[in-house]
Amino acid sequence: SPNPDMRSALGKALAGRREKFVLEGHLCTIWKDGQYKRT
């Protein structure tokens, strides 16, 4: 999901321990007009 609020909240939760986690982030997902879009 490209939801910006989710990404920001997760970033805060990972602060100081990013290296402990394996992040499978997606290319081609964007947030437009308040909705998830594939591009």
Full PDB file with SEQRES, HELIX, SHEET, SSBOND, CRYST1, ORIGX, SCALE, CONECT and MASTER records, all heavy atoms in Angstrom:
SEQRES   1 A   39  SER PRO ASN PRO ASP MET ARG SER ALA LEU GLY LYS ALA          
SEQRES   2 A   39  LEU ALA GLY ARG ARG GLU LYS PHE VAL LEU GLU GLY HIS          
SEQRES   3 A   39  LEU CYS THR ILE TRP LYS ASP GLY GLN TYR LYS ARG THR          
HELIX    1 AA1 PRO A    4  LEU A   14  1                                  11    
HELIX    2 AA2 ARG A   18  LYS A   20  5                                   3    
SHEET    1 AA1 2 THR A  29  LYS A  32  0                                        
SHEET    2 AA1 2 GLN A  35  ARG A  38 -1                                        
CRYST1    1.000    1.000    1.000  90.00  90.00  90.00 P 1           1          
ORIGX1      1.000000  0.000000  0.000000        0.00000                         
ORIGX2      0.000000  1.000000  0.000000        0.00000                         
ORIGX3      0.000000  0.000000  1.000000        0.00000                         
SCALE1      1.000000  0.000000  0.000000        0.00000                         
SCALE2      0.000000  1.000000  0.000000        0.00000                         
SCALE3      0.000000  0.000000  1.000000        0.00000                         
ATOM      1  N   SER A   1       0.824  -1.212   0.000  1.00  0.00           N  
ATOM      2  CA  SER A   1       0.000   0.000   0.000  1.00  0.00           C  
ATOM      3  C   SER A   1       0.858   1.262   0.000  1.00  0.00           C  
ATOM      4  O   SER A   1       1.804   1.374   0.780  1.00  0.00           O  
ATOM      5  CB  SER A   1      -0.926   0.023   1.215  1.00  0.00           C  
ATOM      6  OG  SER A   1      -1.633   1.258   1.277  1.00  0.00           O  
ATOM      7  N   PRO A   2       0.493   2.245  -0.836  1.00  0.00           N  
ATOM      8  CA  PRO A   2       1.230   3.514  -0.856  1.00  0.00           C  
ATOM      9  C   PRO A   2       0.624   4.558   0.084  1.00  0.00           C  
ATOM     10  O   PRO A   2       0.991   5.727   0.013  1.00  0.00           O  
ATOM     11  CB  PRO A   2       1.079   3.960  -2.313  1.00  0.00           C  
ATOM     12  CG  PRO A   2      -0.292   3.460  -2.687  1.00  0.00           C  
ATOM     13  CD  PRO A   2      -0.496   2.173  -1.934  1.00  0.00           C  
ATOM     14  N   ASN A   3      -0.305   4.137   0.949  1.00  0.00           N  
ATOM     15  CA  ASN A   3      -0.963   5.087   1.850  1.00  0.00           C  
ATOM     16  C   ASN A   3       0.091   5.898   2.615  1.00  0.00           C  
ATOM     17  O   ASN A   3       0.904   5.331   3.357  1.00  0.00           O  
ATOM     18  CB  ASN A   3      -1.858   4.334   2.830  1.00  0.00           C  
ATOM     19  CG  ASN A   3      -2.631   5.269   3.738  1.00  0.00           C  
ATOM     20  OD1 ASN A   3      -2.049   5.949   4.583  1.00  0.00           O  
ATOM     21  ND2 ASN A   3      -3.944   5.278   3.597  1.00  0.00           N  
ATOM     22  N   PRO A   4       0.112   7.230   2.449  1.00  0.00           N  
ATOM     23  CA  PRO A   4       1.174   8.039   3.063  1.00  0.00           C  
ATOM     24  C   PRO A   4       1.146   8.030   4.586  1.00  0.00           C  
ATOM     25  O   PRO A   4       2.215   8.041   5.221  1.00  0.00           O  
ATOM     26  CB  PRO A   4       0.919   9.449   2.502  1.00  0.00           C  
ATOM     27  CG  PRO A   4      -0.506   9.435   2.058  1.00  0.00           C  
ATOM     28  CD  PRO A   4      -0.796   8.043   1.615  1.00  0.00           C  
ATOM     29  N   ASP A   5      -0.043   8.007   5.179  1.00  0.00           N  
ATOM     30  CA  ASP A   5      -0.131   7.980   6.642  1.00  0.00           C  
ATOM     31  C   ASP A   5       0.443   6.682   7.201  1.00  0.00           C  
ATOM     32  O   ASP A   5       1.146   6.689   8.223  1.00  0.00           O  
ATOM     33  CB  ASP A   5      -1.589   8.137   7.090  1.00  0.00           C  
ATOM     34  CG  ASP A   5      -2.166   9.502   6.757  1.00  0.00           C  
ATOM     35  OD1 ASP A   5      -1.371  10.461   6.638  1.00  0.00           O  
ATOM     36  OD2 ASP A   5      -3.398   9.609   6.598  1.00  0.00           O  
ATOM     37  N   MET A   6       0.150   5.567   6.524  1.00  0.00           N  
ATOM     38  CA  MET A   6       0.685   4.280   6.961  1.00  0.00           C  
ATOM     39  C   MET A   6       2.200   4.266   6.862  1.00  0.00           C  
ATOM     40  O   MET A   6       2.904   3.823   7.778  1.00  0.00           O  
ATOM     41  CB  MET A   6       0.082   3.151   6.123  1.00  0.00           C  
ATOM     42  CG  MET A   6       0.513   1.732   6.528  1.00  0.00           C  
ATOM     43  SD  MET A   6       2.060   1.193   5.746  1.00  0.00           S  
ATOM     44  CE  MET A   6       1.537   1.026   4.047  1.00  0.00           C  
ATOM     45  N   ARG A   7       2.727   4.753   5.754  1.00  0.00           N  
ATOM     46  CA  ARG A   7       4.182   4.782   5.565  1.00  0.00           C  
ATOM     47  C   ARG A   7       4.861   5.632   6.642  1.00  0.00           C  
ATOM     48  O   ARG A   7       5.888   5.237   7.197  1.00  0.00           O  
ATOM     49  CB  ARG A   7       4.517   5.321   4.179  1.00  0.00           C  
ATOM     50  CG  ARG A   7       4.225   4.361   3.037  1.00  0.00           C  
ATOM     51  CD  ARG A   7       4.509   5.014   1.691  1.00  0.00           C  
ATOM     52  NE  ARG A   7       4.475   4.049   0.597  1.00  0.00           N  
ATOM     53  CZ  ARG A   7       4.639   4.361  -0.685  1.00  0.00           C  
ATOM     54  NH1 ARG A   7       4.836   5.632  -1.035  1.00  0.00           N  
ATOM     55  NH2 ARG A   7       4.603   3.432  -1.622  1.00  0.00           N  
ATOM     56  N   SER A   8       4.285   6.773   6.927  1.00  0.00           N  
ATOM     57  CA  SER A   8       4.884   7.667   7.920  1.00  0.00           C  
ATOM     58  C   SER A   8       4.834   7.050   9.318  1.00  0.00           C  
ATOM     59  O   SER A   8       5.812   7.109  10.076  1.00  0.00           O  
ATOM     60  CB  SER A   8       4.161   9.024   7.927  1.00  0.00           C  
ATOM     61  OG  SER A   8       4.346   9.693   6.699  1.00  0.00           O  
ATOM     62  N   ALA A   9       3.705   6.445   9.667  1.00  0.00           N  
ATOM     63  CA  ALA A   9       3.567   5.817  10.982  1.00  0.00           C  
ATOM     64  C   ALA A   9       4.542   4.658  11.133  1.00  0.00           C  
ATOM     65  O   ALA A   9       5.159   4.470  12.195  1.00  0.00           O  
ATOM     66  CB  ALA A   9       2.130   5.336  11.191  1.00  0.00           C  
ATOM     67  N   LEU A  10       4.698   3.902  10.072  1.00  0.00           N  
ATOM     68  CA  LEU A  10       5.628   2.776  10.116  1.00  0.00           C  
ATOM     69  C   LEU A  10       7.066   3.269  10.228  1.00  0.00           C  
ATOM     70  O   LEU A  10       7.877   2.678  10.960  1.00  0.00           O  
ATOM     71  CB  LEU A  10       5.454   1.907   8.876  1.00  0.00           C  
ATOM     72  CG  LEU A  10       6.245   0.604   8.832  1.00  0.00           C  
ATOM     73  CD1 LEU A  10       5.932  -0.269  10.037  1.00  0.00           C  
ATOM     74  CD2 LEU A  10       5.960  -0.159   7.546  1.00  0.00           C  
ATOM     75  N   GLY A  11       7.376   4.340   9.529  1.00  0.00           N  
ATOM     76  CA  GLY A  11       8.719   4.914   9.622  1.00  0.00           C  
ATOM     77  C   GLY A  11       9.056   5.312  11.042  1.00  0.00           C  
ATOM     78  O   GLY A  11      10.184   5.082  11.518  1.00  0.00           O  
ATOM     79  N   LYS A  12       8.105   5.909  11.738  1.00  0.00           N  
ATOM     80  CA  LYS A  12       8.323   6.289  13.134  1.00  0.00           C  
ATOM     81  C   LYS A  12       8.546   5.053  14.002  1.00  0.00           C  
ATOM     82  O   LYS A  12       9.409   5.048  14.885  1.00  0.00           O  
ATOM     83  CB  LYS A  12       7.120   7.074  13.654  1.00  0.00           C  
ATOM     84  CG  LYS A  12       6.929   8.433  12.996  1.00  0.00           C  
ATOM     85  CD  LYS A  12       5.629   9.082  13.471  1.00  0.00           C  
ATOM     86  CE  LYS A  12       5.362  10.384  12.728  1.00  0.00           C  
ATOM     87  NZ  LYS A  12       4.050  10.983  13.115  1.00  0.00           N  
ATOM     88  N   ALA A  13       7.772   3.988  13.749  1.00  0.00           N  
ATOM     89  CA  ALA A  13       7.883   2.766  14.552  1.00  0.00           C  
ATOM     90  C   ALA A  13       9.204   2.037  14.304  1.00  0.00           C  
ATOM     91  O   ALA A  13       9.705   1.323  15.187  1.00  0.00           O  
ATOM     92  CB  ALA A  13       6.708   1.837  14.255  1.00  0.00           C  
ATOM     93  N   LEU A  14       9.766   2.208  13.107  1.00  0.00           N  
ATOM     94  CA  LEU A  14      11.023   1.527  12.760  1.00  0.00           C  
ATOM     95  C   LEU A  14      12.260   2.317  13.171  1.00  0.00           C  
ATOM     96  O   LEU A  14      13.377   1.791  13.109  1.00  0.00           O  
ATOM     97  CB  LEU A  14      11.071   1.285  11.245  1.00  0.00           C  
ATOM     98  CG  LEU A  14      10.092   0.255  10.670  1.00  0.00           C  
ATOM     99  CD1 LEU A  14      10.136   0.289   9.146  1.00  0.00           C  
ATOM    100  CD2 LEU A  14      10.388  -1.151  11.183  1.00  0.00           C  
ATOM    101  N   ALA A  15      12.065   3.559  13.567  1.00  0.00           N  
ATOM    102  CA  ALA A  15      13.204   4.421  13.912  1.00  0.00           C  
ATOM    103  C   ALA A  15      14.089   3.774  14.967  1.00  0.00           C  
ATOM    104  O   ALA A  15      13.610   3.308  16.005  1.00  0.00           O  
ATOM    105  CB  ALA A  15      12.701   5.773  14.411  1.00  0.00           C  
ATOM    106  N   GLY A  16      15.393   3.704  14.689  1.00  0.00           N  
ATOM    107  CA  GLY A  16      16.342   3.122  15.623  1.00  0.00           C  
ATOM    108  C   GLY A  16      16.482   1.616  15.522  1.00  0.00           C  
ATOM    109  O   GLY A  16      17.349   1.021  16.176  1.00  0.00           O  
ATOM    110  N   ARG A  17      15.663   0.982  14.694  1.00  0.00           N  
ATOM    111  CA  ARG A  17      15.748  -0.484  14.562  1.00  0.00           C  
ATOM    112  C   ARG A  17      15.456  -0.942  13.124  1.00  0.00           C  
ATOM    113  O   ARG A  17      15.045  -2.083  12.898  1.00  0.00           O  
ATOM    114  CB  ARG A  17      14.791  -1.162  15.538  1.00  0.00           C  
ATOM    115  CG  ARG A  17      13.358  -0.623  15.503  1.00  0.00           C  
ATOM    116  CD  ARG A  17      12.475  -1.324  16.504  1.00  0.00           C  
ATOM    117  NE  ARG A  17      11.187  -0.659  16.680  1.00  0.00           N  
ATOM    118  CZ  ARG A  17      10.237  -1.074  17.495  1.00  0.00           C  
ATOM    119  NH1 ARG A  17      10.417  -2.174  18.219  1.00  0.00           N  
ATOM    120  NH2 ARG A  17       9.085  -0.423  17.613  1.00  0.00           N  
ATOM    121  N   ARG A  18      15.658  -0.060  12.180  1.00  0.00           N  
ATOM    122  CA  ARG A  18      15.424  -0.389  10.769  1.00  0.00           C  
ATOM    123  C   ARG A  18      16.163  -1.642  10.346  1.00  0.00           C  
ATOM    124  O   ARG A  18      15.619  -2.491   9.608  1.00  0.00           O  
ATOM    125  CB  ARG A  18      15.844   0.813   9.903  1.00  0.00           C  
ATOM    126  CG  ARG A  18      16.074   0.521   8.416  1.00  0.00           C  
ATOM    127  CD  ARG A  18      14.777   0.177   7.717  1.00  0.00           C  
ATOM    128  NE  ARG A  18      14.982  -0.150   6.313  1.00  0.00           N  
ATOM    129  CZ  ARG A  18      15.179  -1.387   5.855  1.00  0.00           C  
ATOM    130  NH1 ARG A  18      15.227  -2.430   6.687  1.00  0.00           N  
ATOM    131  NH2 ARG A  18      15.324  -1.601   4.560  1.00  0.00           N  
ATOM    132  N   GLU A  19      17.402  -1.822  10.805  1.00  0.00           N  
ATOM    133  CA  GLU A  19      18.234  -2.947  10.361  1.00  0.00           C  
ATOM    134  C   GLU A  19      17.696  -4.298  10.833  1.00  0.00           C  
ATOM    135  O   GLU A  19      18.108  -5.341  10.310  1.00  0.00           O  
ATOM    136  CB  GLU A  19      19.666  -2.766  10.863  1.00  0.00           C  
ATOM    137  CG  GLU A  19      20.358  -1.517  10.333  1.00  0.00           C  
ATOM    138  CD  GLU A  19      20.454  -1.499   8.822  1.00  0.00           C  
ATOM    139  OE1 GLU A  19      20.681  -2.577   8.243  1.00  0.00           O  
ATOM    140  OE2 GLU A  19      20.323  -0.428   8.225  1.00  0.00           O  
ATOM    141  N   LYS A  20      16.789  -4.299  11.783  1.00  0.00           N  
ATOM    142  CA  LYS A  20      16.221  -5.552  12.262  1.00  0.00           C  
ATOM    143  C   LYS A  20      15.184  -6.124  11.294  1.00  0.00           C  
ATOM    144  O   LYS A  20      14.796  -7.290  11.426  1.00  0.00           O  
ATOM    145  CB  LYS A  20      15.559  -5.352  13.629  1.00  0.00           C  
ATOM    146  CG  LYS A  20      16.517  -5.098  14.775  1.00  0.00           C  
ATOM    147  CD  LYS A  20      15.734  -5.033  16.090  1.00  0.00           C  
ATOM    148  CE  LYS A  20      16.656  -4.881  17.285  1.00  0.00           C  
ATOM    149  NZ  LYS A  20      15.890  -4.883  18.561  1.00  0.00           N  
ATOM    150  N   PHE A  21      14.713  -5.292  10.374  1.00  0.00           N  
ATOM    151  CA  PHE A  21      13.585  -5.686   9.552  1.00  0.00           C  
ATOM    152  C   PHE A  21      13.941  -5.768   8.067  1.00  0.00           C  
ATOM    153  O   PHE A  21      14.795  -5.041   7.570  1.00  0.00           O  
ATOM    154  CB  PHE A  21      12.424  -4.699   9.747  1.00  0.00           C  
ATOM    155  CG  PHE A  21      11.800  -4.796  11.119  1.00  0.00           C  
ATOM    156  CD1 PHE A  21      12.301  -4.059  12.180  1.00  0.00           C  
ATOM    157  CD2 PHE A  21      10.743  -5.654  11.347  1.00  0.00           C  
ATOM    158  CE1 PHE A  21      11.749  -4.157  13.445  1.00  0.00           C  
ATOM    159  CE2 PHE A  21      10.176  -5.762  12.606  1.00  0.00           C  
ATOM    160  CZ  PHE A  21      10.679  -5.019  13.664  1.00  0.00           C  
ATOM    161  N   VAL A  22      13.260  -6.680   7.389  1.00  0.00           N  
ATOM    162  CA  VAL A  22      13.368  -6.847   5.946  1.00  0.00           C  
ATOM    163  C   VAL A  22      12.113  -6.234   5.336  1.00  0.00           C  
ATOM    164  O   VAL A  22      11.009  -6.726   5.551  1.00  0.00           O  
ATOM    165  CB  VAL A  22      13.480  -8.337   5.563  1.00  0.00           C  
ATOM    166  CG1 VAL A  22      13.441  -8.508   4.042  1.00  0.00           C  
ATOM    167  CG2 VAL A  22      14.751  -8.950   6.152  1.00  0.00           C  
ATOM    168  N   LEU A  23      12.300  -5.150   4.595  1.00  0.00           N  
ATOM    169  CA  LEU A  23      11.168  -4.430   4.014  1.00  0.00           C  
ATOM    170  C   LEU A  23      10.989  -4.805   2.549  1.00  0.00           C  
ATOM    171  O   LEU A  23      11.892  -4.644   1.734  1.00  0.00           O  
ATOM    172  CB  LEU A  23      11.368  -2.920   4.150  1.00  0.00           C  
ATOM    173  CG  LEU A  23      11.521  -2.382   5.585  1.00  0.00           C  
ATOM    174  CD1 LEU A  23      11.616  -0.863   5.578  1.00  0.00           C  
ATOM    175  CD2 LEU A  23      10.352  -2.834   6.462  1.00  0.00           C  
ATOM    176  N   GLU A  24       9.816  -5.314   2.239  1.00  0.00           N  
ATOM    177  CA  GLU A  24       9.441  -5.676   0.878  1.00  0.00           C  
ATOM    178  C   GLU A  24       8.532  -4.560   0.365  1.00  0.00           C  
ATOM    179  O   GLU A  24       7.317  -4.603   0.476  1.00  0.00           O  
ATOM    180  CB  GLU A  24       8.716  -7.032   0.894  1.00  0.00           C  
ATOM    181  CG  GLU A  24       8.352  -7.568  -0.465  1.00  0.00           C  
ATOM    182  CD  GLU A  24       7.790  -8.980  -0.380  1.00  0.00           C  
ATOM    183  OE1 GLU A  24       6.569  -9.125  -0.153  1.00  0.00           O  
ATOM    184  OE2 GLU A  24       8.571  -9.943  -0.499  1.00  0.00           O  
ATOM    185  N   GLY A  25       9.174  -3.495  -0.160  1.00  0.00           N  
ATOM    186  CA  GLY A  25       8.432  -2.341  -0.646  1.00  0.00           C  
ATOM    187  C   GLY A  25       8.112  -2.484  -2.122  1.00  0.00           C  
ATOM    188  O   GLY A  25       8.838  -3.133  -2.874  1.00  0.00           O  
ATOM    189  N   HIS A  26       7.004  -1.882  -2.546  1.00  0.00           N  
ATOM    190  CA  HIS A  26       6.536  -2.066  -3.919  1.00  0.00           C  
ATOM    191  C   HIS A  26       6.823  -0.856  -4.802  1.00  0.00           C  
ATOM    192  O   HIS A  26       6.639   0.294  -4.398  1.00  0.00           O  
ATOM    193  CB  HIS A  26       5.040  -2.351  -3.926  1.00  0.00           C  
ATOM    194  CG  HIS A  26       4.698  -3.719  -3.424  1.00  0.00           C  
ATOM    195  ND1 HIS A  26       3.868  -4.591  -4.106  1.00  0.00           N  
ATOM    196  CD2 HIS A  26       5.085  -4.383  -2.305  1.00  0.00           C  
ATOM    197  CE1 HIS A  26       3.754  -5.720  -3.420  1.00  0.00           C  
ATOM    198  NE2 HIS A  26       4.486  -5.609  -2.320  1.00  0.00           N  
ATOM    199  N   LEU A  27       7.263  -1.169  -6.022  1.00  0.00           N  
ATOM    200  CA  LEU A  27       7.334  -0.176  -7.088  1.00  0.00           C  
ATOM    201  C   LEU A  27       5.986  -0.169  -7.811  1.00  0.00           C  
ATOM    202  O   LEU A  27       5.296  -1.186  -7.833  1.00  0.00           O  
ATOM    203  CB  LEU A  27       8.439  -0.533  -8.083  1.00  0.00           C  
ATOM    204  CG  LEU A  27       9.865  -0.690  -7.530  1.00  0.00           C  
ATOM    205  CD1 LEU A  27      10.786  -1.227  -8.610  1.00  0.00           C  
ATOM    206  CD2 LEU A  27      10.382   0.624  -7.008  1.00  0.00           C  
ATOM    207  N   CYS A  28       5.649   0.935  -8.405  1.00  0.00           N  
ATOM    208  CA  CYS A  28       4.441   1.044  -9.235  1.00  0.00           C  
ATOM    209  C   CYS A  28       3.147   1.215  -8.447  1.00  0.00           C  
ATOM    210  O   CYS A  28       2.054   1.081  -8.993  1.00  0.00           O  
ATOM    211  CB  CYS A  28       4.285  -0.146 -10.186  1.00  0.00           C  
ATOM    212  SG  CYS A  28       5.727  -0.460 -11.209  1.00  0.00           S  
ATOM    213  N   THR A  29       3.219   1.497  -7.141  1.00  0.00           N  
ATOM    214  CA  THR A  29       2.023   1.838  -6.384  1.00  0.00           C  
ATOM    215  C   THR A  29       2.118   3.305  -5.969  1.00  0.00           C  
ATOM    216  O   THR A  29       3.145   3.740  -5.450  1.00  0.00           O  
ATOM    217  CB  THR A  29       1.859   0.960  -5.130  1.00  0.00           C  
ATOM    218  OG1 THR A  29       2.962   1.181  -4.252  1.00  0.00           O  
ATOM    219  CG2 THR A  29       1.799  -0.505  -5.493  1.00  0.00           C  
ATOM    220  N   ILE A  30       1.054   4.042  -6.218  1.00  0.00           N  
ATOM    221  CA  ILE A  30       1.041   5.464  -5.890  1.00  0.00           C  
ATOM    222  C   ILE A  30      -0.260   5.827  -5.182  1.00  0.00           C  
ATOM    223  O   ILE A  30      -1.228   5.056  -5.194  1.00  0.00           O  
ATOM    224  CB  ILE A  30       1.196   6.347  -7.153  1.00  0.00           C  
ATOM    225  CG1 ILE A  30       0.044   6.084  -8.135  1.00  0.00           C  
ATOM    226  CG2 ILE A  30       2.546   6.088  -7.812  1.00  0.00           C  
ATOM    227  CD1 ILE A  30       0.000   7.065  -9.290  1.00  0.00           C  
ATOM    228  N   TRP A  31      -0.278   6.984  -4.558  1.00  0.00           N  
ATOM    229  CA  TRP A  31      -1.458   7.494  -3.847  1.00  0.00           C  
ATOM    230  C   TRP A  31      -1.969   8.707  -4.615  1.00  0.00           C  
ATOM    231  O   TRP A  31      -1.246   9.687  -4.804  1.00  0.00           O  
ATOM    232  CB  TRP A  31      -1.066   7.872  -2.432  1.00  0.00           C  
ATOM    233  CG  TRP A  31      -2.220   8.090  -1.504  1.00  0.00           C  
ATOM    234  CD1 TRP A  31      -2.660   9.281  -1.012  1.00  0.00           C  
ATOM    235  CD2 TRP A  31      -3.053   7.087  -0.922  1.00  0.00           C  
ATOM    236  NE1 TRP A  31      -3.729   9.090  -0.172  1.00  0.00           N  
ATOM    237  CE2 TRP A  31      -3.996   7.748  -0.087  1.00  0.00           C  
ATOM    238  CE3 TRP A  31      -3.111   5.696  -1.026  1.00  0.00           C  
ATOM    239  CZ2 TRP A  31      -4.974   7.070   0.640  1.00  0.00           C  
ATOM    240  CZ3 TRP A  31      -4.086   5.012  -0.305  1.00  0.00           C  
ATOM    241  CH2 TRP A  31      -4.996   5.685   0.512  1.00  0.00           C  
ATOM    242  N   LYS A  32      -3.208   8.616  -5.102  1.00  0.00           N  
ATOM    243  CA  LYS A  32      -3.770   9.698  -5.898  1.00  0.00           C  
ATOM    244  C   LYS A  32      -5.229   9.918  -5.529  1.00  0.00           C  
ATOM    245  O   LYS A  32      -6.011   8.960  -5.494  1.00  0.00           O  
ATOM    246  CB  LYS A  32      -3.652   9.370  -7.391  1.00  0.00           C  
ATOM    247  CG  LYS A  32      -4.054  10.508  -8.309  1.00  0.00           C  
ATOM    248  CD  LYS A  32      -3.788  10.139  -9.767  1.00  0.00           C  
ATOM    249  CE  LYS A  32      -4.148  11.292 -10.696  1.00  0.00           C  
ATOM    250  NZ  LYS A  32      -3.905  10.944 -12.119  1.00  0.00           N  
ATOM    251  N   ASP A  33      -5.569  11.156  -5.244  1.00  0.00           N  
ATOM    252  CA  ASP A  33      -6.942  11.518  -4.874  1.00  0.00           C  
ATOM    253  C   ASP A  33      -7.448  10.688  -3.705  1.00  0.00           C  
ATOM    254  O   ASP A  33      -8.607  10.245  -3.677  1.00  0.00           O  
ATOM    255  CB  ASP A  33      -7.884  11.343  -6.082  1.00  0.00           C  
ATOM    256  CG  ASP A  33      -7.483  12.213  -7.262  1.00  0.00           C  
ATOM    257  OD1 ASP A  33      -6.989  13.332  -7.017  1.00  0.00           O  
ATOM    258  OD2 ASP A  33      -7.640  11.768  -8.412  1.00  0.00           O  
ATOM    259  N   GLY A  34      -6.540  10.450  -2.753  1.00  0.00           N  
ATOM    260  CA  GLY A  34      -6.925   9.720  -1.561  1.00  0.00           C  
ATOM    261  C   GLY A  34      -7.125   8.237  -1.762  1.00  0.00           C  
ATOM    262  O   GLY A  34      -7.726   7.557  -0.924  1.00  0.00           O  
ATOM    263  N   GLN A  35      -6.595   7.687  -2.883  1.00  0.00           N  
ATOM    264  CA  GLN A  35      -6.777   6.266  -3.170  1.00  0.00           C  
ATOM    265  C   GLN A  35      -5.475   5.639  -3.675  1.00  0.00           C  
ATOM    266  O   GLN A  35      -4.632   6.315  -4.262  1.00  0.00           O  
ATOM    267  CB  GLN A  35      -7.863   6.057  -4.234  1.00  0.00           C  
ATOM    268  CG  GLN A  35      -9.273   6.388  -3.759  1.00  0.00           C  
ATOM    269  CD  GLN A  35     -10.311   6.031  -4.807  1.00  0.00           C  
ATOM    270  OE1 GLN A  35     -10.050   6.104  -6.005  1.00  0.00           O  
ATOM    271  NE2 GLN A  35     -11.495   5.655  -4.364  1.00  0.00           N  
ATOM    272  N   TYR A  36      -5.383   4.331  -3.452  1.00  0.00           N  
ATOM    273  CA  TYR A  36      -4.268   3.556  -3.992  1.00  0.00           C  
ATOM    274  C   TYR A  36      -4.458   3.343  -5.496  1.00  0.00           C  
ATOM    275  O   TYR A  36      -5.543   3.006  -5.953  1.00  0.00           O  
ATOM    276  CB  TYR A  36      -4.187   2.213  -3.258  1.00  0.00           C  
ATOM    277  CG  TYR A  36      -3.788   1.026  -4.095  1.00  0.00           C  
ATOM    278  CD1 TYR A  36      -2.479   0.859  -4.521  1.00  0.00           C  
ATOM    279  CD2 TYR A  36      -4.733   0.056  -4.461  1.00  0.00           C  
ATOM    280  CE1 TYR A  36      -2.113  -0.245  -5.298  1.00  0.00           C  
ATOM    281  CE2 TYR A  36      -4.375  -1.040  -5.225  1.00  0.00           C  
ATOM    282  CZ  TYR A  36      -3.068  -1.181  -5.643  1.00  0.00           C  
ATOM    283  OH  TYR A  36      -2.718  -2.261  -6.413  1.00  0.00           O  
ATOM    284  N   LYS A  37      -3.397   3.537  -6.250  1.00  0.00           N  
ATOM    285  CA  LYS A  37      -3.424   3.303  -7.693  1.00  0.00           C  
ATOM    286  C   LYS A  37      -2.190   2.511  -8.108  1.00  0.00           C  
ATOM    287  O   LYS A  37      -1.123   2.637  -7.504  1.00  0.00           O  
ATOM    288  CB  LYS A  37      -3.421   4.632  -8.465  1.00  0.00           C  
ATOM    289  CG  LYS A  37      -4.580   5.571  -8.149  1.00  0.00           C  
ATOM    290  CD  LYS A  37      -5.859   5.132  -8.810  1.00  0.00           C  
ATOM    291  CE  LYS A  37      -6.960   6.170  -8.588  1.00  0.00           C  
ATOM    292  NZ  LYS A  37      -8.236   5.755  -9.211  1.00  0.00           N  
ATOM    293  N   ARG A  38      -2.349   1.697  -9.142  1.00  0.00           N  
ATOM    294  CA  ARG A  38      -1.201   1.047  -9.769  1.00  0.00           C  
ATOM    295  C   ARG A  38      -0.845   1.812 -11.030  1.00  0.00           C  
ATOM    296  O   ARG A  38      -1.726   2.229 -11.789  1.00  0.00           O  
ATOM    297  CB  ARG A  38      -1.541  -0.399 -10.133  1.00  0.00           C  
ATOM    298  CG  ARG A  38      -0.396  -1.139 -10.808  1.00  0.00           C  
ATOM    299  CD  ARG A  38      -0.790  -2.533 -11.241  1.00  0.00           C  
ATOM    300  NE  ARG A  38      -1.841  -2.537 -12.240  1.00  0.00           N  
ATOM    301  CZ  ARG A  38      -2.178  -3.612 -12.958  1.00  0.00           C  
ATOM    302  NH1 ARG A  38      -1.557  -4.757 -12.771  1.00  0.00           N  
ATOM    303  NH2 ARG A  38      -3.152  -3.557 -13.845  1.00  0.00           N  
ATOM    304  N   THR A  39       0.452   2.000 -11.260  1.00  0.00           N  
ATOM    305  CA  THR A  39       0.878   2.743 -12.441  1.00  0.00           C  
ATOM    306  C   THR A  39       2.127   2.126 -13.027  1.00  0.00           C  
ATOM    307  O   THR A  39       2.895   1.465 -12.335  1.00  0.00           O  
ATOM    308  CB  THR A  39       1.163   4.224 -12.083  1.00  0.00           C  
ATOM    309  OG1 THR A  39       1.489   4.942 -13.279  1.00  0.00           O  
ATOM    310  CG2 THR A  39       2.341   4.347 -11.122  1.00  0.00           C  
TER     311      THR A  39                                                      
MASTER        0    0    0    2    2    0    0    6  310    1    0    3          
END                                                                             
